Amino acid sequence: MAPVVGGGGWEELREDREEDVAVSTKQPRGGTRGAGSSDEVDDIVIELQETRNTDTGLLGKRGRGLLLAGWKRGFGALAGGRRHHKAKDTAEDRGNNIVVVSADRRGTGGGGGVVAGGRPDEDHDNDAEPPWSGEYRVYKRRWFGLVQLTLLNAIVSWDWLTFSPVSKHAANYFSTDENTINWLSTAFMFAFVFITPVVIYVLHLGPKPSIVTSAALVLVGNWIRYAGAHSKSENGGIFGVVMFGQILTGLAQPFVLAAPARFSDMWFTNRGRVAATALTTLANPFGAALGQLVVPFWVQGPSDVSSMVLYVSIISSVCAIPSFFIPAAPPTPAAPSSETPKVSVRDSATILFSHMEFWLIASAFTVYVGCFNSLSSLLNQILQPYGYTNDEAGIAGAILIVVGLVASAVTSPIVDRTKAYLLAIRIAVPVIGLMYLIFIWMPPTHDAGGLAGPYVVMAVLGAASFSLMPIAIEFMVELTHPISPAVTSTLALGGGQLLGGIFIVVSGALKGSEKADPPLNMHRALVFHAVVAMVAIVPPLCLGLFGRADKVSLRRVRSDERVPAAATQAANGSGGGGEEMA
């Protein structure tokens, strides 16, 4: 389609229904420019339209995040003698997920353009953006934010399982029963679901506002919990106050648990995003492992519960305070996809509602997150009726998580380089389902086989689950690009928290009675977990089948790879200039 020569103020967009794009023109203040001028700069707006045969949608009102780029007849020199790097290819390769528009709002012959895929220079009216030459770059300061996000994810998970490893002692201290103590974990998960819409909005603004919000809630929630646990009441503590503090820490979790994909999208290239997401996401279960290992050593009886809560509050404060000082965003984009306009939250919901591939992977992901959360919360109650001690049950939980972390440390870099997301998912999902099935018969083996059976199953389950988690999160981002990672990751993780809370409640209802053999066993709860986990195997195995192979293409990776070679080299740190402190 031929562009219309532009100059001064914007006219309304007009649709081209055949090509599903809209062209916005500018008329010069002194009349229309001559079509034969060799130096004229044509300005166009290509706004993403929802096509009839794809899963993409509108970018939203007011241009919905337009990228700025100069466009000249023949794709030659920009005004003022600048070269436009592959403007045509950039416009085409971004296809259904990017918008292109010129930056020269003044209608002059120089200084207004930018490199394709880039941000405007200092002459453009967007003064909030730093001057940028079009070079993609990563910065050392990203590690500070990554470490802080990792610490917050670890400590918020420790907060979640503060009382579960010593549920009997906690029940005695608060003069209640174990099912009531379980509600501390359940309320924590339901808080995630309650705050999900706010998380999506805040995280859509950027990772720092989300991280700072979480840090504030962690600080307040932990010290309220300590106030309730330390209160000198007849029952040893005020359970209602502790529950209120626990809910606040539960509200903190989604702001950091859903942030890794958004953070890695902004700060890392496609050669490091899976590993960055893995480190920060898997810190969450690592914190749970620390809690399961450390808390039983601190609590030898009901009287130790108050001191334990104090120790956790101090550690939480140390981990949370640095969050207020992390950088908000890199000075320049790490990769083309980092600056791709993200679809608005409202349009994202519309698109995802009918995005079959997203739901195929998200359905299994939410089930397995729910099963993992439920199993982690109830592991002591699952094993103790068969003669396992608190320490042995804690070690089982630690094996589940530590082996998973090691496995993910191996698989994530491999997937980062090979981009074999779909293959990794098709391997991990059946293994996870089978491990939940086999675990039904493991707790009763304590007397005959000792600890080997449960520990081996926990190791394999942890390896498969932890390998799947960051890969699935990143794969959902790839399938739905340019929808913000804030939306996909928050919805998937929120669904997992919701199911986790439901599974805990259902498991409590399925718990054996005092007259059962053994008393208070959770055999029926394990059967329930296994059935749900086996059913969840089916949807991910259907990805790319039935003539939908084109629907599982890596859209974000494709966007990053179709940029000038110089920009790609700079993003990957080649030539010594890609990694710098700024």
Protein backbone atom coordinates (compact mmCIF):
# COMPACT_ATOMS: atom_id res chain seq x y z
CA MET A 1 0.00 0.00 0.00
CA ALA A 2 1.40 3.41 -0.88
CA PRO A 3 1.72 5.86 2.02
CA VAL A 4 0.30 9.35 1.89
CA VAL A 5 2.80 12.20 2.28
CA GLY A 6 2.49 13.89 5.67
CA GLY A 7 3.44 17.10 7.42
CA GLY A 8 1.57 18.83 10.29
CA GLY A 9 -1.38 17.66 12.37
CA TRP A 10 -2.75 14.10 12.56
CA GLU A 11 -5.86 13.07 10.67
CA GLU A 12 -8.06 10.21 11.70
CA LEU A 13 -7.00 6.65 11.02
CA ARG A 14 -8.74 5.05 8.09
CA GLU A 15 -9.15 1.31 7.88
CA ASP A 16 -7.98 -0.83 5.07
CA ARG A 17 -10.10 -3.92 5.46
CA GLU A 18 -8.25 -5.93 2.83
CA GLU A 19 -4.89 -5.65 4.58
CA ASP A 20 -6.19 -5.20 8.14
CA VAL A 21 -4.11 -2.12 8.81
CA ALA A 22 -4.92 1.56 9.22
CA VAL A 23 -3.00 4.41 7.67
CA SER A 24 -2.79 7.79 9.38
CA THR A 25 -1.65 10.72 7.31
CA LYS A 26 -0.33 14.18 8.02
CA GLN A 27 -0.97 17.17 5.77
CA PRO A 28 1.72 19.85 5.58
CA ARG A 29 0.96 23.26 6.96
CA GLY A 30 1.78 24.91 3.67
CA GLY A 31 0.06 22.41 1.43
CA THR A 32 0.90 18.93 0.17
CA ARG A 33 4.50 18.18 -0.65
CA GLY A 34 5.55 17.42 -4.16
CA ALA A 35 5.57 13.75 -4.85
CA GLY A 36 8.79 13.98 -6.81
CA SER A 37 11.00 15.43 -4.06
CA SER A 38 13.90 13.06 -3.42
CA ASP A 39 14.43 14.32 0.16
CA GLU A 40 10.89 14.15 1.42
CA VAL A 41 10.08 11.92 4.39
CA ASP A 42 6.78 10.09 4.28
CA ASP A 43 5.11 9.50 7.63
CA ILE A 44 2.78 6.61 8.23
CA VAL A 45 1.08 4.86 11.06
CA ILE A 46 0.54 1.15 10.82
CA GLU A 47 -1.79 0.22 13.60
CA LEU A 48 -2.34 -3.39 14.50
CA GLN A 49 -5.84 -4.53 13.64
CA GLU A 50 -7.51 -7.68 14.76
CA THR A 51 -7.40 -10.01 11.78
CA ARG A 52 -10.02 -12.56 11.00
CA ASN A 53 -7.62 -15.50 10.82
CA THR A 54 -5.18 -14.90 13.68
CA ASP A 55 -5.21 -14.84 17.46
CA THR A 56 -3.94 -11.26 17.69
CA GLY A 57 -5.99 -8.20 18.56
CA LEU A 58 -6.08 -4.44 18.84
CA LEU A 59 -3.36 -2.59 20.67
CA GLY A 60 -5.92 -0.20 22.13
CA LYS A 61 -6.87 3.47 22.01
CA ARG A 62 -4.58 6.39 21.20
CA GLY A 63 -2.42 4.29 18.92
CA ARG A 64 -2.09 1.60 21.59
CA GLY A 65 1.59 1.92 22.13
CA LEU A 66 2.90 3.03 18.75
CA LEU A 67 6.58 2.50 17.99
CA LEU A 68 8.23 5.41 16.26
CA ALA A 69 10.21 5.04 13.04
CA GLY A 70 10.93 7.19 9.98
CA TRP A 71 9.85 5.89 6.57
CA LYS A 72 11.06 7.31 3.27
CA ARG A 73 10.12 6.38 -0.28
CA GLY A 74 12.36 3.51 -1.31
CA PHE A 75 13.45 3.00 2.34
CA GLY A 76 16.51 5.14 1.74
CA ALA A 77 18.18 7.81 3.86
CA LEU A 78 16.32 9.41 6.71
CA ALA A 79 15.94 13.19 6.84
CA GLY A 80 19.24 14.80 7.69
CA GLY A 81 21.24 12.03 6.04
CA ARG A 82 20.54 9.22 8.59
CA ARG A 83 20.20 5.66 7.45
CA HIS A 84 17.04 3.76 8.29
CA HIS A 85 18.08 0.21 9.16
CA LYS A 86 15.83 -2.17 7.32
CA ALA A 87 12.65 -0.22 7.98
CA LYS A 88 10.66 -2.28 5.54
CA ASP A 89 11.80 -5.58 6.99
CA THR A 90 11.15 -4.32 10.50
CA ALA A 91 7.60 -3.33 9.64
CA GLU A 92 6.97 -6.65 7.96
CA ASP A 93 8.67 -8.93 10.47
CA ARG A 94 6.78 -7.44 13.37
CA GLY A 95 3.66 -8.54 11.46
CA ASN A 96 0.73 -8.90 13.79
CA ASN A 97 2.43 -7.69 16.93
CA ILE A 98 4.05 -4.31 16.43
CA VAL A 99 3.17 -0.82 15.30
CA VAL A 100 5.30 1.56 13.25
CA VAL A 101 5.00 5.33 12.95
CA SER A 102 7.34 8.15 12.05
CA ALA A 103 8.81 10.48 14.66
CA ASP A 104 9.05 13.69 12.65
CA ARG A 105 6.06 15.58 14.05
CA ARG A 106 7.45 18.97 13.07
CA GLY A 107 7.31 18.42 9.31
CA THR A 108 10.93 19.51 8.97
CA GLY A 109 13.67 17.90 7.01
CA GLY A 110 15.96 16.76 9.78
CA GLY A 111 16.43 15.24 13.19
CA GLY A 112 13.10 13.64 13.77
CA GLY A 113 13.65 10.04 12.75
CA VAL A 114 14.90 7.04 14.68
CA VAL A 115 16.42 3.72 13.81
CA ALA A 116 13.89 1.00 13.00
CA GLY A 117 12.66 -0.75 16.10
CA GLY A 118 14.14 2.01 18.24
CA ARG A 119 13.18 4.96 20.37
CA PRO A 120 13.10 8.61 19.28
CA ASP A 121 16.20 10.77 19.52
CA GLU A 122 16.54 13.93 21.59
CA ASP A 123 14.78 16.03 18.98
CA HIS A 124 11.51 14.16 19.34
CA ASP A 125 8.82 15.58 21.58
CA ASN A 126 8.92 12.54 23.88
CA ASP A 127 11.43 14.14 26.28
CA ALA A 128 10.93 11.45 28.95
CA GLU A 129 12.91 8.98 26.84
CA PRO A 130 16.75 9.13 26.91
CA PRO A 131 18.57 9.82 23.64
CA TRP A 132 19.10 6.53 21.90
CA SER A 133 21.02 5.52 18.80
CA GLY A 134 19.18 2.27 18.15
CA GLU A 135 21.71 -0.04 19.83
CA TYR A 136 20.31 -2.80 22.00
CA ARG A 137 22.24 -3.35 25.18
CA VAL A 138 22.14 -5.19 28.51
CA TYR A 139 23.35 -3.65 31.77
CA LYS A 140 25.09 -5.05 34.82
CA ARG A 141 22.63 -3.29 37.08
CA ARG A 142 20.01 -5.84 36.03
CA TRP A 143 21.67 -8.32 38.40
CA PHE A 144 20.80 -6.15 41.40
CA GLY A 145 17.14 -6.26 40.46
CA LEU A 146 17.34 -9.97 39.68
CA VAL A 147 18.91 -10.80 43.06
CA GLN A 148 16.37 -8.69 44.89
CA LEU A 149 13.46 -10.31 43.07
CA THR A 150 14.95 -13.69 43.93
CA LEU A 151 15.23 -12.82 47.64
CA LEU A 152 11.67 -11.53 47.80
CA ASN A 153 10.28 -14.63 46.11
CA ALA A 154 12.18 -16.83 48.56
CA ILE A 155 11.12 -15.03 51.71
CA VAL A 156 7.48 -14.63 50.73
CA SER A 157 7.30 -18.40 50.24
CA TRP A 158 8.91 -18.96 53.64
CA ASP A 159 6.19 -16.72 55.07
CA TRP A 160 3.62 -18.97 53.41
CA LEU A 161 4.91 -22.13 55.15
CA THR A 162 5.91 -20.56 58.46
CA PHE A 163 3.52 -22.73 60.48
CA SER A 164 2.95 -25.80 58.28
CA PRO A 165 6.16 -27.69 59.24
CA VAL A 166 5.21 -27.44 62.94
CA SER A 167 1.44 -27.56 62.61
CA LYS A 168 0.94 -29.59 65.81
CA HIS A 169 3.00 -27.24 67.96
CA ALA A 170 1.33 -24.22 66.35
CA ALA A 171 -2.12 -25.71 67.00
CA ASN A 172 -1.26 -26.24 70.66
CA TYR A 173 0.20 -22.74 70.98
CA PHE A 174 -2.92 -21.08 69.57
CA SER A 175 -5.27 -23.59 71.28
CA THR A 176 -6.80 -24.77 68.02
CA ASP A 177 -6.52 -27.77 65.68
CA GLU A 178 -4.37 -28.58 62.65
CA ASN A 179 -7.15 -27.93 60.14
CA THR A 180 -7.37 -24.36 61.44
CA ILE A 181 -3.60 -23.99 61.12
CA ASN A 182 -3.93 -25.22 57.53
CA TRP A 183 -6.12 -22.20 56.87
CA LEU A 184 -3.05 -20.00 57.30
CA SER A 185 -1.68 -21.58 54.12
CA THR A 186 -5.06 -21.64 52.40
CA ALA A 187 -5.81 -17.97 53.12
CA PHE A 188 -2.36 -17.10 51.80
CA MET A 189 -3.23 -18.70 48.44
CA PHE A 190 -6.71 -17.21 48.21
CA ALA A 191 -5.21 -13.76 48.85
CA PHE A 192 -3.28 -14.21 45.61
CA VAL A 193 -6.50 -14.74 43.68
CA PHE A 194 -8.23 -11.79 45.34
CA ILE A 195 -5.50 -9.32 44.39
CA THR A 196 -4.83 -10.67 40.88
CA PRO A 197 -6.58 -7.84 38.92
CA VAL A 198 -4.54 -5.24 40.81
CA VAL A 199 -1.33 -7.22 40.21
CA ILE A 200 -1.96 -7.32 36.47
CA TYR A 201 -2.47 -3.56 36.38
CA VAL A 202 0.57 -2.71 38.53
CA LEU A 203 2.87 -5.18 36.79
CA HIS A 204 1.72 -3.85 33.42
CA LEU A 205 3.27 -0.52 34.48
CA GLY A 206 6.63 -2.21 35.08
CA PRO A 207 8.34 -4.65 37.45
CA LYS A 208 9.58 -2.10 40.00
CA PRO A 209 6.15 -0.84 41.18
CA SER A 210 5.13 -4.45 41.65
CA ILE A 211 8.29 -5.38 43.57
CA VAL A 212 8.06 -2.33 45.83
CA THR A 213 4.42 -3.08 46.61
CA SER A 214 5.32 -6.62 47.58
CA ALA A 215 8.18 -5.49 49.79
CA ALA A 216 5.91 -3.09 51.69
CA LEU A 217 3.29 -5.79 52.27
CA VAL A 218 5.96 -8.27 53.41
CA LEU A 219 7.30 -5.81 55.97
CA VAL A 220 3.89 -4.91 57.39
CA GLY A 221 2.49 -8.44 57.29
CA ASN A 222 5.41 -10.08 59.06
CA TRP A 223 5.47 -7.67 61.98
CA ILE A 224 1.71 -7.91 62.41
CA ARG A 225 2.09 -11.70 62.56
CA TYR A 226 4.73 -11.31 65.23
CA ALA A 227 2.51 -8.93 67.20
CA GLY A 228 -0.22 -11.57 67.20
CA ALA A 229 2.10 -14.48 67.99
CA HIS A 230 3.90 -12.58 70.76
CA SER A 231 0.75 -11.29 72.45
CA LYS A 232 0.44 -12.50 76.04
CA SER A 233 -3.02 -13.96 75.96
CA GLU A 234 -4.45 -16.95 77.79
CA ASN A 235 -4.10 -19.04 74.64
CA GLY A 236 -0.46 -18.09 74.00
CA GLY A 237 -1.19 -15.82 71.02
CA ILE A 238 -3.99 -14.09 69.13
CA PHE A 239 -4.71 -16.26 66.13
CA GLY A 240 -6.90 -13.66 64.39
CA VAL A 241 -4.07 -11.11 64.35
CA VAL A 242 -1.68 -13.73 62.99
CA MET A 243 -4.19 -14.58 60.27
CA PHE A 244 -4.48 -10.90 59.29
CA GLY A 245 -0.72 -10.62 58.96
CA GLN A 246 -0.63 -13.86 56.99
CA ILE A 247 -3.20 -12.50 54.54
CA LEU A 248 -1.07 -9.39 54.01
CA THR A 249 1.95 -11.53 53.17
CA GLY A 250 -0.33 -13.53 50.89
CA LEU A 251 -1.27 -10.33 49.09
CA ALA A 252 2.46 -9.63 48.67
CA GLN A 253 3.23 -12.91 46.91
CA PRO A 254 1.60 -12.33 43.49
CA PHE A 255 3.39 -9.02 43.02
CA VAL A 256 6.75 -10.84 42.95
CA LEU A 257 5.76 -14.35 41.87
CA ALA A 258 4.26 -12.99 38.64
CA ALA A 259 7.07 -10.48 38.08
CA PRO A 260 9.94 -12.69 36.75
CA ALA A 261 8.64 -12.95 33.17
CA ARG A 262 8.01 -9.19 33.05
CA PHE A 263 11.45 -8.46 34.53
CA SER A 264 13.33 -10.77 32.17
CA ASP A 265 11.38 -9.42 29.18
CA MET A 266 12.56 -5.90 30.03
CA TRP A 267 16.15 -6.53 31.12
CA PHE A 268 17.36 -9.68 29.26
CA THR A 269 17.71 -10.94 25.70
CA ASN A 270 16.17 -14.14 24.39
CA ARG A 271 19.41 -15.96 25.24
CA GLY A 272 18.94 -15.46 28.96
CA ARG A 273 15.26 -15.00 29.66
CA VAL A 274 14.41 -18.59 30.59
CA ALA A 275 17.36 -18.77 33.00
CA ALA A 276 16.47 -15.41 34.58
CA THR A 277 12.82 -16.42 34.93
CA ALA A 278 13.88 -19.78 36.37
CA LEU A 279 16.13 -18.23 39.02
CA THR A 280 13.54 -15.77 40.27
CA THR A 281 10.50 -18.03 39.95
CA LEU A 282 12.11 -21.08 41.54
CA ALA A 283 13.33 -19.00 44.45
CA ASN A 284 9.73 -19.23 45.61
CA PRO A 285 9.74 -22.98 46.30
CA PHE A 286 13.34 -22.69 47.52
CA GLY A 287 12.06 -20.40 50.26
CA ALA A 288 9.47 -23.03 51.11
CA ALA A 289 12.25 -25.62 51.35
CA LEU A 290 14.21 -23.42 53.72
CA GLY A 291 11.12 -23.03 55.86
CA GLN A 292 10.50 -26.76 55.98
CA LEU A 293 14.11 -27.42 56.96
CA VAL A 294 14.80 -24.58 59.37
CA VAL A 295 11.51 -24.05 61.20
CA PRO A 296 11.42 -27.55 62.83
CA PHE A 297 14.86 -26.88 64.33
CA TRP A 298 13.65 -23.59 65.82
CA VAL A 299 10.41 -25.01 67.23
CA GLN A 300 10.86 -27.87 69.66
CA GLY A 301 7.60 -27.15 71.45
CA PRO A 302 4.60 -24.78 71.50
CA SER A 303 6.50 -22.18 73.54
CA ASP A 304 9.00 -21.69 70.68
CA VAL A 305 6.41 -20.52 68.14
CA SER A 306 6.61 -16.84 69.07
CA SER A 307 10.42 -16.74 68.79
CA MET A 308 10.26 -18.51 65.43
CA VAL A 309 7.89 -15.88 64.03
CA LEU A 310 10.28 -13.17 65.26
CA TYR A 311 13.23 -14.77 63.44
CA VAL A 312 11.24 -15.02 60.22
CA SER A 313 10.15 -11.38 60.53
CA ILE A 314 13.76 -10.19 60.90
CA ILE A 315 14.91 -12.20 57.88
CA SER A 316 11.93 -10.94 55.85
CA SER A 317 12.79 -7.32 56.67
CA VAL A 318 16.41 -7.76 55.61
CA CYS A 319 15.29 -9.26 52.30
CA ALA A 320 12.56 -6.69 51.61
CA ILE A 321 14.18 -3.32 52.33
CA PRO A 322 16.63 -3.25 49.35
CA SER A 323 13.65 -3.56 46.98
CA PHE A 324 13.02 0.17 47.26
CA PHE A 325 16.36 0.92 45.60
CA ILE A 326 16.33 -1.26 42.47
CA PRO A 327 16.40 0.46 39.04
CA ALA A 328 13.02 0.87 37.40
CA ALA A 329 14.07 0.14 33.79
CA PRO A 330 17.20 -0.06 31.65
CA PRO A 331 18.29 3.18 29.95
CA THR A 332 17.95 1.49 26.56
CA PRO A 333 16.11 -1.70 25.51
CA ALA A 334 17.84 -5.05 25.87
CA ALA A 335 16.24 -6.38 22.68
CA PRO A 336 13.60 -5.37 20.10
CA SER A 337 10.91 -7.36 21.90
CA SER A 338 11.66 -5.47 25.12
CA GLU A 339 10.26 -2.31 23.55
CA THR A 340 7.45 -3.93 21.61
CA PRO A 341 4.20 -2.14 22.53
CA LYS A 342 2.25 -4.36 24.90
CA VAL A 343 -1.42 -4.94 24.29
CA SER A 344 -3.66 -3.18 26.78
CA VAL A 345 -5.00 -5.22 29.68
CA ARG A 346 -8.57 -5.06 28.40
CA ASP A 347 -7.62 -6.23 24.91
CA SER A 348 -5.34 -8.89 26.39
CA ALA A 349 -8.29 -10.42 28.21
CA THR A 350 -10.31 -10.45 24.98
CA ILE A 351 -7.53 -12.11 23.02
CA LEU A 352 -6.63 -14.70 25.66
CA PHE A 353 -10.25 -15.74 26.08
CA SER A 354 -10.16 -17.36 22.63
CA HIS A 355 -6.46 -18.26 22.53
CA MET A 356 -6.60 -22.06 22.54
CA GLU A 357 -2.85 -22.66 22.82
CA PHE A 358 -2.61 -20.47 25.91
CA TRP A 359 -5.33 -22.44 27.65
CA LEU A 360 -3.85 -25.79 26.68
CA ILE A 361 -0.64 -25.00 28.51
CA ALA A 362 -2.17 -22.82 31.25
CA SER A 363 -4.68 -25.51 32.28
CA ALA A 364 -1.95 -28.04 33.06
CA PHE A 365 0.29 -25.39 34.58
CA THR A 366 -2.36 -24.24 37.05
CA VAL A 367 -3.20 -27.81 38.06
CA TYR A 368 0.43 -28.71 38.73
CA VAL A 369 1.09 -25.49 40.65
CA GLY A 370 -2.02 -26.23 42.71
CA CYS A 371 -0.93 -29.82 43.37
CA PHE A 372 2.57 -28.70 44.33
CA ASN A 373 1.28 -26.02 46.72
CA SER A 374 -1.13 -28.46 48.32
CA LEU A 375 1.46 -31.21 48.66
CA SER A 376 4.04 -28.80 50.15
CA SER A 377 1.54 -27.54 52.71
CA LEU A 378 0.32 -30.99 53.74
CA LEU A 379 3.49 -33.09 53.44
CA ASN A 380 3.97 -33.41 57.20
CA GLN A 381 0.36 -34.48 57.69
CA ILE A 382 0.68 -36.95 54.79
CA LEU A 383 3.78 -38.69 56.16
CA GLN A 384 3.45 -38.50 59.95
CA PRO A 385 0.57 -41.01 60.31
CA TYR A 386 2.91 -43.67 58.88
CA GLY A 387 5.67 -43.06 61.43
CA TYR A 388 7.73 -40.31 59.79
CA THR A 389 9.08 -37.61 62.11
CA ASN A 390 8.85 -33.87 61.55
CA ASP A 391 12.51 -33.83 60.50
CA GLU A 392 12.07 -36.70 58.03
CA ALA A 393 9.03 -35.03 56.48
CA GLY A 394 10.98 -31.77 56.28
CA ILE A 395 13.83 -33.52 54.50
CA ALA A 396 11.35 -34.98 52.00
CA GLY A 397 10.12 -31.47 51.24
CA ALA A 398 13.67 -30.21 50.92
CA ILE A 399 14.55 -33.03 48.48
CA LEU A 400 11.51 -32.13 46.40
CA ILE A 401 12.73 -28.56 46.07
CA VAL A 402 16.53 -28.84 46.06
CA VAL A 403 16.61 -31.56 43.39
CA GLY A 404 14.13 -29.50 41.40
CA LEU A 405 16.35 -26.43 41.60
CA VAL A 406 19.36 -28.41 40.39
CA ALA A 407 17.38 -29.91 37.51
CA SER A 408 16.05 -26.51 36.49
CA ALA A 409 19.57 -25.06 36.61
CA VAL A 410 20.47 -27.64 33.94
CA THR A 411 17.37 -27.54 31.75
CA SER A 412 16.73 -23.78 31.67
CA PRO A 413 20.00 -22.79 29.94
CA ILE A 414 19.54 -25.66 27.47
CA VAL A 415 16.06 -24.45 26.53
CA ASP A 416 17.38 -20.88 26.39
CA ARG A 417 19.76 -21.93 23.64
CA THR A 418 17.72 -24.53 21.78
CA LYS A 419 14.26 -22.93 22.18
CA ALA A 420 12.86 -26.48 22.54
CA TYR A 421 9.98 -25.32 24.74
CA LEU A 422 7.42 -27.72 23.34
CA LEU A 423 9.67 -30.78 23.60
CA ALA A 424 10.56 -29.99 27.21
CA ILE A 425 6.88 -29.58 28.11
CA ARG A 426 5.91 -32.85 26.42
CA ILE A 427 8.57 -34.68 28.45
CA ALA A 428 7.97 -33.04 31.83
CA VAL A 429 4.17 -33.17 31.96
CA PRO A 430 3.73 -37.00 31.78
CA VAL A 431 6.52 -37.49 34.33
CA ILE A 432 4.79 -35.16 36.80
CA GLY A 433 1.46 -36.95 36.42
CA LEU A 434 3.05 -40.37 36.91
CA MET A 435 4.91 -39.25 40.06
CA TYR A 436 1.69 -38.11 41.71
CA LEU A 437 0.19 -41.48 40.82
CA ILE A 438 3.12 -43.48 42.23
CA PHE A 439 3.26 -41.39 45.41
CA ILE A 440 -0.09 -42.85 46.49
CA TRP A 441 1.73 -46.03 47.59
CA MET A 442 4.90 -44.44 49.01
CA PRO A 443 4.00 -43.30 52.57
CA PRO A 444 3.04 -46.84 53.76
CA THR A 445 6.51 -48.14 52.78
CA HIS A 446 8.13 -46.52 55.84
CA ASP A 447 8.34 -49.67 57.97
CA ALA A 448 9.44 -51.99 55.16
CA GLY A 449 11.52 -49.73 52.92
CA GLY A 450 12.46 -46.84 55.17
CA LEU A 451 12.79 -43.42 53.57
CA ALA A 452 13.88 -44.46 50.07
CA GLY A 453 10.47 -44.67 48.37
CA PRO A 454 9.07 -41.22 49.23
CA TYR A 455 12.47 -39.56 48.81
CA VAL A 456 13.02 -40.96 45.31
CA VAL A 457 9.54 -39.96 44.15
CA MET A 458 9.97 -36.48 45.66
CA ALA A 459 13.29 -36.10 43.81
CA VAL A 460 11.85 -37.04 40.41
CA LEU A 461 8.70 -34.99 40.97
CA GLY A 462 10.77 -31.97 41.97
CA ALA A 463 13.05 -32.28 38.93
CA ALA A 464 10.15 -32.45 36.49
CA SER A 465 8.01 -29.78 38.20
CA PHE A 466 10.78 -27.24 38.59
CA SER A 467 12.00 -27.76 35.05
CA LEU A 468 8.48 -27.21 33.73
CA MET A 469 7.66 -24.05 35.66
CA PRO A 470 9.93 -21.42 34.04
CA ILE A 471 9.70 -23.09 30.64
CA ALA A 472 5.89 -23.00 30.71
CA ILE A 473 5.83 -19.37 31.86
CA GLU A 474 8.17 -18.26 29.08
CA PHE A 475 6.38 -20.41 26.50
CA MET A 476 3.08 -18.72 27.32
CA VAL A 477 4.77 -15.36 26.80
CA GLU A 478 6.14 -16.54 23.44
CA LEU A 479 2.75 -17.81 22.25
CA THR A 480 0.89 -14.64 23.20
CA HIS A 481 3.44 -11.93 22.32
CA PRO A 482 2.89 -8.91 22.31
CA ILE A 483 0.50 -9.42 25.23
CA SER A 484 2.34 -8.32 28.36
CA PRO A 485 3.98 -11.12 30.40
CA ALA A 486 2.29 -9.50 33.39
CA VAL A 487 -1.07 -10.74 32.14
CA THR A 488 -0.20 -14.32 31.16
CA SER A 489 2.02 -15.12 34.14
CA THR A 490 -0.33 -13.57 36.70
CA LEU A 491 -3.36 -15.41 35.34
CA ALA A 492 -1.55 -18.76 35.24
CA LEU A 493 0.01 -18.41 38.69
CA GLY A 494 -3.21 -17.01 40.14
CA GLY A 495 -5.08 -20.04 38.86
CA GLY A 496 -2.46 -22.27 40.48
CA GLN A 497 -2.87 -20.53 43.84
CA LEU A 498 -6.64 -20.80 43.62
CA LEU A 499 -6.48 -24.52 42.89
CA GLY A 500 -3.86 -24.99 45.59
CA GLY A 501 -6.18 -23.49 48.19
CA ILE A 502 -9.08 -25.60 46.94
CA PHE A 503 -6.96 -28.76 46.97
CA ILE A 504 -5.93 -28.12 50.59
CA VAL A 505 -9.56 -27.72 51.64
CA VAL A 506 -10.59 -30.85 49.72
CA SER A 507 -7.66 -32.80 51.19
CA GLY A 508 -8.69 -31.79 54.71
CA ALA A 509 -12.20 -33.08 54.01
CA LEU A 510 -10.74 -36.37 52.69
CA LYS A 511 -8.51 -36.89 55.72
CA GLY A 512 -9.07 -40.16 57.58
CA SER A 513 -10.70 -40.24 60.98
CA GLU A 514 -9.17 -41.25 64.29
CA LYS A 515 -10.47 -44.78 63.66
CA ALA A 516 -8.83 -45.08 60.24
CA ASP A 517 -5.78 -47.29 59.63
CA PRO A 518 -3.51 -45.52 60.31
CA PRO A 519 -5.43 -42.76 62.13
CA LEU A 520 -5.74 -39.42 60.36
CA ASN A 521 -4.10 -40.73 57.17
CA MET A 522 -4.45 -38.79 53.90
CA HIS A 523 -4.55 -41.70 51.45
CA ARG A 524 -7.76 -40.48 49.80
CA ALA A 525 -6.26 -37.01 49.41
CA LEU A 526 -3.28 -38.53 47.56
CA VAL A 527 -5.67 -40.38 45.24
CA PHE A 528 -7.44 -37.09 44.54
CA HIS A 529 -4.14 -35.38 43.66
CA ALA A 530 -3.14 -38.24 41.38
CA VAL A 531 -6.41 -38.25 39.44
CA VAL A 532 -6.28 -34.50 38.83
CA ALA A 533 -2.59 -34.65 37.84
CA MET A 534 -3.15 -37.49 35.37
CA VAL A 535 -6.06 -35.69 33.69
CA ALA A 536 -3.90 -32.56 33.32
CA ILE A 537 -1.42 -34.48 31.15
CA VAL A 538 -3.72 -34.41 28.12
CA PRO A 539 -4.03 -30.69 27.15
CA PRO A 540 -0.30 -29.88 26.75
CA LEU A 541 0.24 -32.97 24.63
CA CYS A 542 -2.28 -31.54 22.13
CA LEU A 543 -0.20 -28.41 21.50
CA GLY A 544 0.64 -28.06 17.83
CA LEU A 545 -1.56 -30.96 16.75
CA PHE A 546 -4.69 -31.11 14.57
CA GLY A 547 -3.35 -28.69 11.97
CA ARG A 548 -2.35 -26.00 14.48
CA ALA A 549 1.43 -26.29 14.26
CA ASP A 550 1.68 -22.65 13.17
CA LYS A 551 -0.01 -21.58 16.42
CA VAL A 552 2.96 -22.66 18.56
CA SER A 553 5.56 -20.50 16.82
CA LEU A 554 7.85 -18.44 19.06
CA ARG A 555 6.59 -14.96 18.24
CA ARG A 556 8.87 -13.01 20.59
CA VAL A 557 12.00 -14.88 19.51
CA ARG A 558 11.10 -14.27 15.89
CA SER A 559 10.73 -10.55 16.62
CA ASP A 560 14.18 -10.41 18.21
CA GLU A 561 15.91 -12.33 15.45
CA ARG A 562 14.68 -10.06 12.64
CA VAL A 563 16.72 -7.01 13.52
CA PRO A 564 19.93 -5.71 12.02
CA ALA A 565 22.95 -7.84 12.85
CA ALA A 566 24.66 -4.99 14.64
CA ALA A 567 21.78 -4.56 17.05
CA THR A 568 21.63 -8.27 17.76
CA GLN A 569 25.37 -8.42 18.46
CA ALA A 570 25.12 -5.49 20.83
CA ALA A 571 22.24 -7.14 22.69
CA ASN A 572 24.22 -10.32 23.15
CA GLY A 573 27.25 -8.46 24.45
CA SER A 574 29.54 -9.12 21.46
CA GLY A 575 32.54 -6.96 20.90
CA GLY A 576 32.84 -6.18 24.59
CA GLY A 577 30.15 -3.53 24.51
CA GLY A 578 26.99 -5.44 25.31
CA GLU A 579 27.46 -5.69 29.07
CA GLU A 580 28.21 -2.46 30.85
CA MET A 581 27.48 -0.58 34.02
CA ALA A 582 25.58 2.60 33.34
